[in-house]
């Protein structure tokens, strides 16, 4: 899950696993695999960084656990 700020200033949490595309128009638009579109203030690079950090938190511990088994 990642935190982003909607255009109205409200912070929401998005399931990073459901992000299909991120596009820069006038605003940044996140499209989910559910076809829902969310307009946010965050720029594309900031969202990518948040998704990468999320993946590190979720995947790396599983890989380390598997290697120690």
Protein backbone atom coordinates (compact mmCIF):
# COMPACT_ATOMS: atom_id res chain seq x y z
CA UNK A 1 0.00 0.00 0.00
CA UNK A 2 1.23 3.51 -0.82
CA UNK A 3 0.04 6.92 0.30
CA UNK A 4 -0.86 9.53 -2.33
CA UNK A 5 -2.61 12.89 -2.19
CA UNK A 6 -5.73 13.46 -4.22
CA UNK A 7 -6.32 16.75 -6.02
CA UNK A 8 -8.63 17.89 -3.20
CA UNK A 9 -5.73 17.49 -0.71
CA UNK A 10 -7.10 14.34 0.88
CA UNK A 11 -4.52 11.62 1.49
CA UNK A 12 -5.53 8.12 0.44
CA UNK A 13 -3.83 4.74 0.48
CA UNK A 14 -3.66 2.80 -2.79
CA UNK A 15 -2.92 -0.89 -3.23
CA UNK A 16 0.34 -0.73 -5.20
CA UNK A 17 -0.32 -4.23 -6.55
CA UNK A 18 -3.33 -2.90 -8.46
CA UNK A 19 -1.57 -0.05 -10.28
CA UNK A 20 -1.66 -0.68 -14.01
CA UNK A 21 -0.51 2.70 -15.37
CA UNK A 22 0.58 6.13 -14.15
CA UNK A 23 0.27 9.01 -16.57
CA UNK A 24 1.10 12.67 -16.45
CA UNK A 25 -1.63 14.84 -17.89
CA UNK A 26 -2.58 18.14 -16.27
CA UNK A 27 -2.60 16.08 -13.08
CA UNK A 28 -1.13 12.65 -12.45
CA UNK A 29 -3.61 9.86 -13.13
CA UNK A 30 -3.24 6.42 -11.62
CA UNK A 31 -5.22 3.70 -13.38
CA UNK A 32 -5.84 0.52 -11.45
CA UNK A 33 -6.38 -2.95 -12.84
CA UNK A 34 -9.99 -2.52 -11.73
CA UNK A 35 -10.25 0.35 -14.31
CA UNK A 36 -10.70 2.89 -11.51
CA UNK A 37 -8.79 6.11 -12.20
CA UNK A 38 -7.44 8.33 -9.42
CA UNK A 39 -6.21 11.90 -9.97
CA UNK A 40 -3.40 12.82 -7.59
CA UNK A 41 -1.02 15.69 -6.83
CA UNK A 42 2.02 13.39 -6.56
CA UNK A 43 4.25 13.36 -9.62
CA UNK A 44 4.94 10.20 -11.61
CA UNK A 45 8.49 9.72 -10.30
CA UNK A 46 7.35 10.08 -6.67
CA UNK A 47 4.71 7.39 -7.17
CA UNK A 48 7.24 5.08 -8.83
CA UNK A 49 9.61 5.59 -5.88
CA UNK A 50 6.81 4.74 -3.45
CA UNK A 51 5.94 1.56 -5.36
CA UNK A 52 9.60 0.48 -5.48
CA UNK A 53 9.96 1.06 -1.73
CA UNK A 54 6.73 -0.86 -1.10
CA UNK A 55 8.03 -3.79 -3.17
CA UNK A 56 11.32 -3.77 -1.22
CA UNK A 57 9.43 -3.97 2.07
CA UNK A 58 7.21 -6.79 0.84
CA UNK A 59 9.46 -8.92 -1.37
CA UNK A 60 12.92 -8.67 0.22
CA UNK A 61 11.91 -10.13 3.61
CA UNK A 62 10.37 -13.14 1.82
CA UNK A 63 13.51 -13.70 -0.24
CA UNK A 64 15.75 -13.42 2.84
CA UNK A 65 13.53 -15.83 4.76
CA UNK A 66 13.64 -18.32 1.88
CA UNK A 67 17.46 -18.11 1.64
CA UNK A 68 17.83 -18.78 5.39
CA UNK A 69 15.66 -21.90 5.27
